[in-house]
PDB file of N, CA and C in Angstrom:
ATOM      1  N   MET A   1     -28.215 -47.448  29.715  1.00  0.00           N
ATOM      2  CA  MET A   1     -29.439 -46.782  30.097  1.00  0.00           C
ATOM      3  C   MET A   1     -30.622 -47.428  29.363  1.00  0.00           C
ATOM      4  N   LYS A   2     -31.706 -47.633  30.059  1.00  0.00           N
ATOM      5  CA  LYS A   2     -32.892 -48.257  29.497  1.00  0.00           C
ATOM      6  C   LYS A   2     -33.664 -47.251  28.660  1.00  0.00           C
ATOM      7  N   ALA A   3     -34.158 -47.700  27.523  1.00  0.00           N
ATOM      8  CA  ALA A   3     -34.968 -46.851  26.655  1.00  0.00           C
ATOM      9  C   ALA A   3     -36.439 -47.224  26.803  1.00  0.00           C
ATOM     10  N   TYR A   4     -37.282 -46.248  26.578  1.00  0.00           N
ATOM     11  CA  TYR A   4     -38.727 -46.434  26.579  1.00  0.00           C
ATOM     12  C   TYR A   4     -39.240 -45.959  25.230  1.00  0.00           C
ATOM     13  N   PHE A   5     -40.316 -46.549  24.775  1.00  0.00           N
ATOM     14  CA  PHE A   5     -40.791 -46.268  23.432  1.00  0.00           C
ATOM     15  C   PHE A   5     -42.278 -45.917  23.405  1.00  0.00           C
ATOM     16  N   PHE A   6     -42.596 -44.989  22.522  1.00  0.00           N
ATOM     17  CA  PHE A   6     -43.964 -44.738  22.098  1.00  0.00           C
ATOM     18  C   PHE A   6     -44.056 -45.364  20.713  1.00  0.00           C
ATOM     19  N   TYR A   7     -45.128 -46.103  20.449  1.00  0.00           N
ATOM     20  CA  TYR A   7     -45.265 -46.765  19.159  1.00  0.00           C
ATOM     21  C   TYR A   7     -46.687 -46.605  18.644  1.00  0.00           C
ATOM     22  N   VAL A   8     -46.842 -46.768  17.332  1.00  0.00           N
ATOM     23  CA  VAL A   8     -48.160 -46.705  16.710  1.00  0.00           C
ATOM     24  C   VAL A   8     -48.348 -47.954  15.854  1.00  0.00           C
ATOM     25  N   LEU A   9     -49.483 -48.596  16.048  1.00  0.00           N
ATOM     26  CA  LEU A   9     -49.895 -49.716  15.225  1.00  0.00           C
ATOM     27  C   LEU A   9     -51.017 -49.258  14.305  1.00  0.00           C
ATOM     28  N   TYR A  10     -51.063 -49.850  13.128  1.00  0.00           N
ATOM     29  CA  TYR A  10     -52.188 -49.632  12.226  1.00  0.00           C
ATOM     30  C   TYR A  10     -52.923 -50.957  12.129  1.00  0.00           C
ATOM     31  N   THR A  11     -54.220 -50.916  12.360  1.00  0.00           N
ATOM     32  CA  THR A  11     -55.012 -52.143  12.409  1.00  0.00           C
ATOM     33  C   THR A  11     -55.607 -52.471  11.046  1.00  0.00           C
ATOM     34  N   ALA A  12     -55.970 -53.726  10.862  1.00  0.00           N
ATOM     35  CA  ALA A  12     -56.552 -54.180   9.598  1.00  0.00           C
ATOM     36  C   ALA A  12     -57.869 -53.472   9.291  1.00  0.00           C
ATOM     37  N   ASP A  13     -58.574 -53.013  10.327  1.00  0.00           N
ATOM     38  CA  ASP A  13     -59.840 -52.313  10.091  1.00  0.00           C
ATOM     39  C   ASP A  13     -59.673 -50.795  10.064  1.00  0.00           C
ATOM     40  N   GLY A  14     -58.413 -50.341   9.947  1.00  0.00           N
ATOM     41  CA  GLY A  14     -58.165 -48.935   9.663  1.00  0.00           C
ATOM     42  C   GLY A  14     -57.994 -47.984  10.819  1.00  0.00           C
ATOM     43  N   TYR A  15     -57.685 -48.472  11.994  1.00  0.00           N
ATOM     44  CA  TYR A  15     -57.478 -47.608  13.150  1.00  0.00           C
ATOM     45  C   TYR A  15     -55.992 -47.485  13.486  1.00  0.00           C
ATOM     46  N   PHE A  16     -55.657 -46.393  14.163  1.00  0.00           N
ATOM     47  CA  PHE A  16     -54.329 -46.224  14.732  1.00  0.00           C
ATOM     48  C   PHE A  16     -54.421 -46.550  16.213  1.00  0.00           C
ATOM     49  N   TYR A  17     -53.440 -47.268  16.716  1.00  0.00           N
ATOM     50  CA  TYR A  17     -53.355 -47.556  18.152  1.00  0.00           C
ATOM     51  C   TYR A  17     -51.997 -47.091  18.638  1.00  0.00           C
ATOM     52  N   GLY A  18     -51.982 -46.201  19.613  1.00  0.00           N
ATOM     53  CA  GLY A  18     -50.735 -45.722  20.200  1.00  0.00           C
ATOM     54  C   GLY A  18     -50.492 -46.393  21.531  1.00  0.00           C
ATOM     55  N   GLY A  19     -49.257 -46.772  21.773  1.00  0.00           N
ATOM     56  CA  GLY A  19     -48.916 -47.431  23.027  1.00  0.00           C
ATOM     57  C   GLY A  19     -47.524 -47.063  23.503  1.00  0.00           C
ATOM     58  N   PHE A  20     -47.168 -47.609  24.642  1.00  0.00           N
ATOM     59  CA  PHE A  20     -45.883 -47.353  25.288  1.00  0.00           C
ATOM     60  C   PHE A  20     -45.316 -48.687  25.750  1.00  0.00           C
ATOM     61  N   THR A  21     -43.992 -48.824  25.674  1.00  0.00           N
ATOM     62  CA  THR A  21     -43.347 -50.052  26.128  1.00  0.00           C
ATOM     63  C   THR A  21     -41.854 -49.826  26.317  1.00  0.00           C
ATOM     64  N   ASP A  22     -41.191 -50.811  26.895  1.00  0.00           N
ATOM     65  CA  ASP A  22     -39.721 -50.775  26.947  1.00  0.00           C
ATOM     66  C   ASP A  22     -39.131 -51.798  25.973  1.00  0.00           C
ATOM     67  N   ASP A  23     -40.012 -52.529  25.242  1.00  0.00           N
ATOM     68  CA  ASP A  23     -39.566 -53.508  24.246  1.00  0.00           C
ATOM     69  C   ASP A  23     -40.643 -53.600  23.163  1.00  0.00           C
ATOM     70  N   VAL A  24     -40.441 -52.913  22.061  1.00  0.00           N
ATOM     71  CA  VAL A  24     -41.462 -52.794  21.022  1.00  0.00           C
ATOM     72  C   VAL A  24     -41.812 -54.143  20.405  1.00  0.00           C
ATOM     73  N   LEU A  25     -40.825 -54.935  20.051  1.00  0.00           N
ATOM     74  CA  LEU A  25     -41.119 -56.211  19.398  1.00  0.00           C
ATOM     75  C   LEU A  25     -41.857 -57.180  20.323  1.00  0.00           C
ATOM     76  N   ARG A  26     -41.476 -57.195  21.597  1.00  0.00           N
ATOM     77  CA  ARG A  26     -42.184 -58.052  22.559  1.00  0.00           C
ATOM     78  C   ARG A  26     -43.636 -57.587  22.705  1.00  0.00           C
ATOM     79  N   ARG A  27     -43.831 -56.276  22.762  1.00  0.00           N
ATOM     80  CA  ARG A  27     -45.184 -55.737  22.927  1.00  0.00           C
ATOM     81  C   ARG A  27     -46.035 -56.010  21.691  1.00  0.00           C
ATOM     82  N   LEU A  28     -45.438 -55.883  20.515  1.00  0.00           N
ATOM     83  CA  LEU A  28     -46.162 -56.196  19.284  1.00  0.00           C
ATOM     84  C   LEU A  28     -46.590 -57.666  19.293  1.00  0.00           C
ATOM     85  N   ALA A  29     -45.710 -58.546  19.697  1.00  0.00           N
ATOM     86  CA  ALA A  29     -46.038 -59.974  19.771  1.00  0.00           C
ATOM     87  C   ALA A  29     -47.192 -60.211  20.753  1.00  0.00           C
ATOM     88  N   THR A  30     -47.202 -59.474  21.845  1.00  0.00           N
ATOM     89  CA  THR A  30     -48.288 -59.593  22.823  1.00  0.00           C
ATOM     90  C   THR A  30     -49.610 -59.159  22.197  1.00  0.00           C
ATOM     91  N   HIS A  31     -49.590 -58.035  21.492  1.00  0.00           N
ATOM     92  CA  HIS A  31     -50.803 -57.576  20.810  1.00  0.00           C
ATOM     93  C   HIS A  31     -51.261 -58.612  19.780  1.00  0.00           C
ATOM     94  N   GLU A  32     -50.332 -59.119  18.999  1.00  0.00           N
ATOM     95  CA  GLU A  32     -50.675 -60.068  17.939  1.00  0.00           C
ATOM     96  C   GLU A  32     -51.212 -61.386  18.480  1.00  0.00           C
ATOM     97  N   SER A  33     -50.803 -61.748  19.678  1.00  0.00           N
ATOM     98  CA  SER A  33     -51.280 -63.000  20.273  1.00  0.00           C
ATOM     99  C   SER A  33     -52.670 -62.850  20.896  1.00  0.00           C
ATOM    100  N   GLY A  34     -53.212 -61.629  20.898  1.00  0.00           N
ATOM    101  CA  GLY A  34     -54.534 -61.399  21.476  1.00  0.00           C
ATOM    102  C   GLY A  34     -54.521 -61.177  22.968  1.00  0.00           C
ATOM    103  N   LYS A  35     -53.331 -60.947  23.535  1.00  0.00           N
ATOM    104  CA  LYS A  35     -53.222 -60.749  24.975  1.00  0.00           C
ATOM    105  C   LYS A  35     -52.816 -59.327  25.340  1.00  0.00           C
ATOM    106  N   GLY A  36     -52.810 -58.433  24.355  1.00  0.00           N
ATOM    107  CA  GLY A  36     -52.423 -57.037  24.600  1.00  0.00           C
ATOM    108  C   GLY A  36     -53.623 -56.237  25.081  1.00  0.00           C
ATOM    109  N   ALA A  37     -53.635 -54.987  24.707  1.00  0.00           N
ATOM    110  CA  ALA A  37     -54.711 -54.080  25.097  1.00  0.00           C
ATOM    111  C   ALA A  37     -56.053 -54.576  24.570  1.00  0.00           C
ATOM    112  N   LYS A  38     -57.125 -54.259  25.278  1.00  0.00           N
ATOM    113  CA  LYS A  38     -58.462 -54.667  24.880  1.00  0.00           C
ATOM    114  C   LYS A  38     -58.753 -54.241  23.433  1.00  0.00           C
ATOM    115  N   PHE A  39     -58.295 -53.057  23.054  1.00  0.00           N
ATOM    116  CA  PHE A  39     -58.528 -52.522  21.711  1.00  0.00           C
ATOM    117  C   PHE A  39     -57.954 -53.433  20.630  1.00  0.00           C
ATOM    118  N   THR A  40     -56.787 -53.999  20.877  1.00  0.00           N
ATOM    119  CA  THR A  40     -56.124 -54.821  19.853  1.00  0.00           C
ATOM    120  C   THR A  40     -56.502 -56.303  19.937  1.00  0.00           C
ATOM    121  N   ARG A  41     -57.322 -56.674  20.907  1.00  0.00           N
ATOM    122  CA  ARG A  41     -57.746 -58.075  21.026  1.00  0.00           C
ATOM    123  C   ARG A  41     -58.813 -58.446  20.008  1.00  0.00           C
ATOM    124  N   VAL A  42     -59.489 -57.444  19.469  1.00  0.00           N
ATOM    125  CA  VAL A  42     -60.570 -57.678  18.512  1.00  0.00           C
ATOM    126  C   VAL A  42     -59.988 -58.314  17.247  1.00  0.00           C
ATOM    127  N   LYS A  43     -60.523 -59.463  16.858  1.00  0.00           N
ATOM    128  CA  LYS A  43     -59.951 -60.224  15.736  1.00  0.00           C
ATOM    129  C   LYS A  43     -60.009 -59.467  14.414  1.00  0.00           C
ATOM    130  N   SER A  44     -61.027 -58.640  14.223  1.00  0.00           N
ATOM    131  CA  SER A  44     -61.139 -57.893  12.962  1.00  0.00           C
ATOM    132  C   SER A  44     -60.052 -56.828  12.835  1.00  0.00           C
ATOM    133  N   ARG A  45     -59.349 -56.545  13.907  1.00  0.00           N
ATOM    134  CA  ARG A  45     -58.260 -55.560  13.865  1.00  0.00           C
ATOM    135  C   ARG A  45     -56.937 -56.176  13.420  1.00  0.00           C
ATOM    136  N   HIS A  46     -56.922 -57.488  13.257  1.00  0.00           N
ATOM    137  CA  HIS A  46     -55.685 -58.185  12.877  1.00  0.00           C
ATOM    138  C   HIS A  46     -55.660 -58.454  11.387  1.00  0.00           C
ATOM    139  N   PRO A  47     -54.514 -58.436  10.761  1.00  0.00           N
ATOM    140  CA  PRO A  47     -53.186 -58.280  11.354  1.00  0.00           C
ATOM    141  C   PRO A  47     -52.892 -56.825  11.707  1.00  0.00           C
ATOM    142  N   LEU A  48     -51.960 -56.663  12.605  1.00  0.00           N
ATOM    143  CA  LEU A  48     -51.505 -55.349  13.051  1.00  0.00           C
ATOM    144  C   LEU A  48     -50.187 -55.017  12.373  1.00  0.00           C
ATOM    145  N   GLN A  49     -49.999 -53.747  12.049  1.00  0.00           N
ATOM    146  CA  GLN A  49     -48.736 -53.297  11.473  1.00  0.00           C
ATOM    147  C   GLN A  49     -48.097 -52.281  12.407  1.00  0.00           C
ATOM    148  N   LEU A  50     -46.859 -52.485  12.748  1.00  0.00           N
ATOM    149  CA  LEU A  50     -46.095 -51.481  13.478  1.00  0.00           C
ATOM    150  C   LEU A  50     -45.648 -50.441  12.461  1.00  0.00           C
ATOM    151  N   ILE A  51     -46.157 -49.217  12.579  1.00  0.00           N
ATOM    152  CA  ILE A  51     -45.825 -48.205  11.574  1.00  0.00           C
ATOM    153  C   ILE A  51     -44.945 -47.086  12.102  1.00  0.00           C
ATOM    154  N   TYR A  52     -44.816 -46.973  13.436  1.00  0.00           N
ATOM    155  CA  TYR A  52     -44.000 -45.887  13.987  1.00  0.00           C
ATOM    156  C   TYR A  52     -43.523 -46.277  15.374  1.00  0.00           C
ATOM    157  N   GLN A  53     -42.296 -45.882  15.671  1.00  0.00           N
ATOM    158  CA  GLN A  53     -41.789 -45.998  17.045  1.00  0.00           C
ATOM    159  C   GLN A  53     -40.787 -44.884  17.293  1.00  0.00           C
ATOM    160  N   GLU A  54     -40.764 -44.419  18.511  1.00  0.00           N
ATOM    161  CA  GLU A  54     -39.849 -43.345  18.905  1.00  0.00           C
ATOM    162  C   GLU A  54     -39.330 -43.674  20.299  1.00  0.00           C
ATOM    163  N   SER A  55     -38.041 -43.512  20.492  1.00  0.00           N
ATOM    164  CA  SER A  55     -37.468 -43.835  21.798  1.00  0.00           C
ATOM    165  C   SER A  55     -37.331 -42.591  22.660  1.00  0.00           C
ATOM    166  N   PHE A  56     -37.409 -42.812  23.965  1.00  0.00           N
ATOM    167  CA  PHE A  56     -37.298 -41.757  24.959  1.00  0.00           C
ATOM    168  C   PHE A  56     -36.392 -42.239  26.084  1.00  0.00           C
ATOM    169  N   GLU A  57     -35.759 -41.304  26.739  1.00  0.00           N
ATOM    170  CA  GLU A  57     -34.868 -41.653  27.848  1.00  0.00           C
ATOM    171  C   GLU A  57     -35.618 -41.970  29.125  1.00  0.00           C
ATOM    172  N   THR A  58     -36.830 -41.418  29.250  1.00  0.00           N
ATOM    173  CA  THR A  58     -37.586 -41.665  30.478  1.00  0.00           C
ATOM    174  C   THR A  58     -38.964 -42.245  30.163  1.00  0.00           C
ATOM    175  N   LYS A  59     -39.466 -43.014  31.096  1.00  0.00           N
ATOM    176  CA  LYS A  59     -40.805 -43.586  30.986  1.00  0.00           C
ATOM    177  C   LYS A  59     -41.839 -42.468  30.904  1.00  0.00           C
ATOM    178  N   SER A  60     -41.637 -41.430  31.685  1.00  0.00           N
ATOM    179  CA  SER A  60     -42.556 -40.304  31.710  1.00  0.00           C
ATOM    180  C   SER A  60     -42.690 -39.652  30.335  1.00  0.00           C
ATOM    181  N   ASP A  61     -41.577 -39.449  29.648  1.00  0.00           N
ATOM    182  CA  ASP A  61     -41.620 -38.826  28.322  1.00  0.00           C
ATOM    183  C   ASP A  61     -42.345 -39.716  27.309  1.00  0.00           C
ATOM    184  N   ALA A  62     -42.126 -41.007  27.372  1.00  0.00           N
ATOM    185  CA  ALA A  62     -42.808 -41.928  26.461  1.00  0.00           C
ATOM    186  C   ALA A  62     -44.312 -41.940  26.737  1.00  0.00           C
ATOM    187  N   LEU A  63     -44.689 -41.946  28.002  1.00  0.00           N
ATOM    188  CA  LEU A  63     -46.105 -41.917  28.364  1.00  0.00           C
ATOM    189  C   LEU A  63     -46.762 -40.611  27.928  1.00  0.00           C
ATOM    190  N   LYS A  64     -46.045 -39.507  28.030  1.00  0.00           N
ATOM    191  CA  LYS A  64     -46.580 -38.208  27.591  1.00  0.00           C
ATOM    192  C   LYS A  64     -46.790 -38.207  26.086  1.00  0.00           C
ATOM    193  N   ALA A  65     -45.867 -38.800  25.339  1.00  0.00           N
ATOM    194  CA  ALA A  65     -46.017 -38.881  23.886  1.00  0.00           C
ATOM    195  C   ALA A  65     -47.240 -39.725  23.518  1.00  0.00           C
ATOM    196  N   GLU A  66     -47.416 -40.834  24.209  1.00  0.00           N
ATOM    197  CA  GLU A  66     -48.587 -41.681  23.977  1.00  0.00           C
ATOM    198  C   GLU A  66     -49.875 -40.916  24.267  1.00  0.00           C
ATOM    199  N   ALA A  67     -49.932 -40.251  25.408  1.00  0.00           N
ATOM    200  CA  ALA A  67     -51.137 -39.516  25.798  1.00  0.00           C
ATOM    201  C   ALA A  67     -51.452 -38.404  24.800  1.00  0.00           C
ATOM    202  N   ALA A  68     -50.422 -37.705  24.342  1.00  0.00           N
ATOM    203  CA  ALA A  68     -50.629 -36.624  23.379  1.00  0.00           C
ATOM    204  C   ALA A  68     -51.177 -37.169  22.065  1.00  0.00           C
ATOM    205  N   PHE A  69     -50.646 -38.296  21.611  1.00  0.00           N
ATOM    206  CA  PHE A  69     -51.107 -38.907  20.352  1.00  0.00           C
ATOM    207  C   PHE A  69     -52.568 -39.328  20.476  1.00  0.00           C
ATOM    208  N   LYS A  70     -52.924 -39.921  21.581  1.00  0.00           N
ATOM    209  CA  LYS A  70     -54.285 -40.419  21.764  1.00  0.00           C
ATOM    210  C   LYS A  70     -55.318 -39.295  21.802  1.00  0.00           C
ATOM    211  N   LYS A  71     -54.895 -38.080  22.117  1.00  0.00           N
ATOM    212  CA  LYS A  71     -55.810 -36.935  22.159  1.00  0.00           C
ATOM    213  C   LYS A  71     -56.044 -36.324  20.782  1.00  0.00           C
ATOM    214  N   LEU A  72     -55.231 -36.697  19.811  1.00  0.00           N
ATOM    215  CA  LEU A  72     -55.354 -36.126  18.468  1.00  0.00           C
ATOM    216  C   LEU A  72     -56.565 -36.682  17.731  1.00  0.00           C
ATOM    217  N   THR A  73     -57.083 -35.881  16.811  1.00  0.00           N
ATOM    218  CA  THR A  73     -58.131 -36.372  15.920  1.00  0.00           C
ATOM    219  C   THR A  73     -57.486 -37.304  14.891  1.00  0.00           C
ATOM    220  N   ARG A  74     -58.306 -37.989  14.140  1.00  0.00           N
ATOM    221  CA  ARG A  74     -57.797 -38.887  13.104  1.00  0.00           C
ATOM    222  C   ARG A  74     -56.907 -38.125  12.120  1.00  0.00           C
ATOM    223  N   SER A  75     -57.366 -36.983  11.629  1.00  0.00           N
ATOM    224  CA  SER A  75     -56.567 -36.233  10.652  1.00  0.00           C
ATOM    225  C   SER A  75     -55.280 -35.704  11.275  1.00  0.00           C
ATOM    226  N   GLN A  76     -55.312 -35.332  12.539  1.00  0.00           N
ATOM    227  CA  GLN A  76     -54.097 -34.881  13.226  1.00  0.00           C
ATOM    228  C   GLN A  76     -53.106 -36.034  13.403  1.00  0.00           C
ATOM    229  N   LYS A  77     -53.616 -37.233  13.660  1.00  0.00           N
ATOM    230  CA  LYS A  77     -52.745 -38.407  13.768  1.00  0.00           C
ATOM    231  C   LYS A  77     -52.077 -38.677  12.428  1.00  0.00           C
ATOM    232  N   GLU A  78     -52.841 -38.573  11.350  1.00  0.00           N
ATOM    233  CA  GLU A  78     -52.273 -38.774  10.019  1.00  0.00           C
ATOM    234  C   GLU A  78     -51.188 -37.737   9.734  1.00  0.00           C
ATOM    235  N   MET A  79     -51.445 -36.473  10.075  1.00  0.00           N
ATOM    236  CA  MET A  79     -50.453 -35.415   9.856  1.00  0.00           C
ATOM    237  C   MET A  79     -49.202 -35.667  10.695  1.00  0.00           C
ATOM    238  N   PHE A  80     -49.376 -36.117  11.942  1.00  0.00           N
ATOM    239  CA  PHE A  80     -48.243 -36.444  12.809  1.00  0.00           C
ATOM    240  C   PHE A  80     -47.379 -37.514  12.156  1.00  0.00           C
ATOM    241  N   LEU A  81     -48.013 -38.577  11.674  1.00  0.00           N
ATOM    242  CA  LEU A  81     -47.284 -39.686  11.078  1.00  0.00           C
ATOM    243  C   LEU A  81     -46.571 -39.265   9.797  1.00  0.00           C
ATOM    244  N   LEU A  82     -47.241 -38.494   8.965  1.00  0.00           N
ATOM    245  CA  LEU A  82     -46.603 -38.012   7.736  1.00  0.00           C
ATOM    246  C   LEU A  82     -45.423 -37.098   8.061  1.00  0.00           C
ATOM    247  N   ALA A  83     -45.571 -36.250   9.078  1.00  0.00           N
ATOM    248  CA  ALA A  83     -44.485 -35.351   9.491  1.00  0.00           C
ATOM    249  C   ALA A  83     -43.282 -36.127  10.014  1.00  0.00           C
ATOM    250  N   HIS A  84     -43.525 -37.338  10.515  1.00  0.00           N
ATOM    251  CA  HIS A  84     -42.457 -38.187  11.033  1.00  0.00           C
ATOM    252  C   HIS A  84     -42.023 -39.235  10.004  1.00  0.00           C
ATOM    253  N   LYS A  85     -42.315 -38.954   8.741  1.00  0.00           N
ATOM    254  CA  LYS A  85     -41.826 -39.758   7.608  1.00  0.00           C
ATOM    255  C   LYS A  85     -42.339 -41.193   7.588  1.00  0.00           C
ATOM    256  N   VAL A  86     -43.548 -41.403   8.081  1.00  0.00           N
ATOM    257  CA  VAL A  86     -44.157 -42.730   8.026  1.00  0.00           C
ATOM    258  C   VAL A  86     -44.799 -42.893   6.658  1.00  0.00           C
ATOM    259  N   ASP A  87     -44.502 -43.997   5.985  1.00  0.00           N
ATOM    260  CA  ASP A  87     -45.150 -44.285   4.709  1.00  0.00           C
ATOM    261  C   ASP A  87     -46.646 -44.407   4.924  1.00  0.00           C
ATOM    262  N   LYS A  88     -47.401 -43.785   4.064  1.00  0.00           N
ATOM    263  CA  LYS A  88     -48.868 -43.785   4.206  1.00  0.00           C
ATOM    264  C   LYS A  88     -49.406 -45.177   3.914  1.00  0.00           C
ATOM    265  N   VAL A  89     -49.976 -45.822   4.940  1.00  0.00           N
ATOM    266  CA  VAL A  89     -50.556 -47.155   4.791  1.00  0.00           C
ATOM    267  C   VAL A  89     -52.073 -47.101   4.932  1.00  0.00           C
ATOM    268  N   TRP A  90     -52.613 -45.935   5.239  1.00  0.00           N
ATOM    269  CA  TRP A  90     -54.036 -45.787   5.447  1.00  0.00           C
ATOM    270  C   TRP A  90     -54.669 -45.174   4.209  1.00  0.00           C
ATOM    271  N   GLN A  91     -55.966 -45.332   4.105  1.00  0.00           N
ATOM    272  CA  GLN A  91     -56.719 -44.826   2.946  1.00  0.00           C
ATOM    273  C   GLN A  91     -57.143 -43.393   3.142  1.00  0.00           C
TER     274      GLN A  91
END
């Protein structure tokens, strides 16, 4: 069965970027090469750190997780990440 993932990147300029994919490492490489989402193409956002990933059985569930994360405030995103045992990399 194919897995789908929701992932979070932390950018060099201090932002969180949430995304969805079926291959996290390939997608990270795409972002790092400057060919990913418009948000991650900005050079000042590099290097990017993959700080969280979660797998889902369906594409729909992964997309819902991404959408929910993107609606959170900065402090809510931080609380989400801490609740999911992500080492604090942000200031």
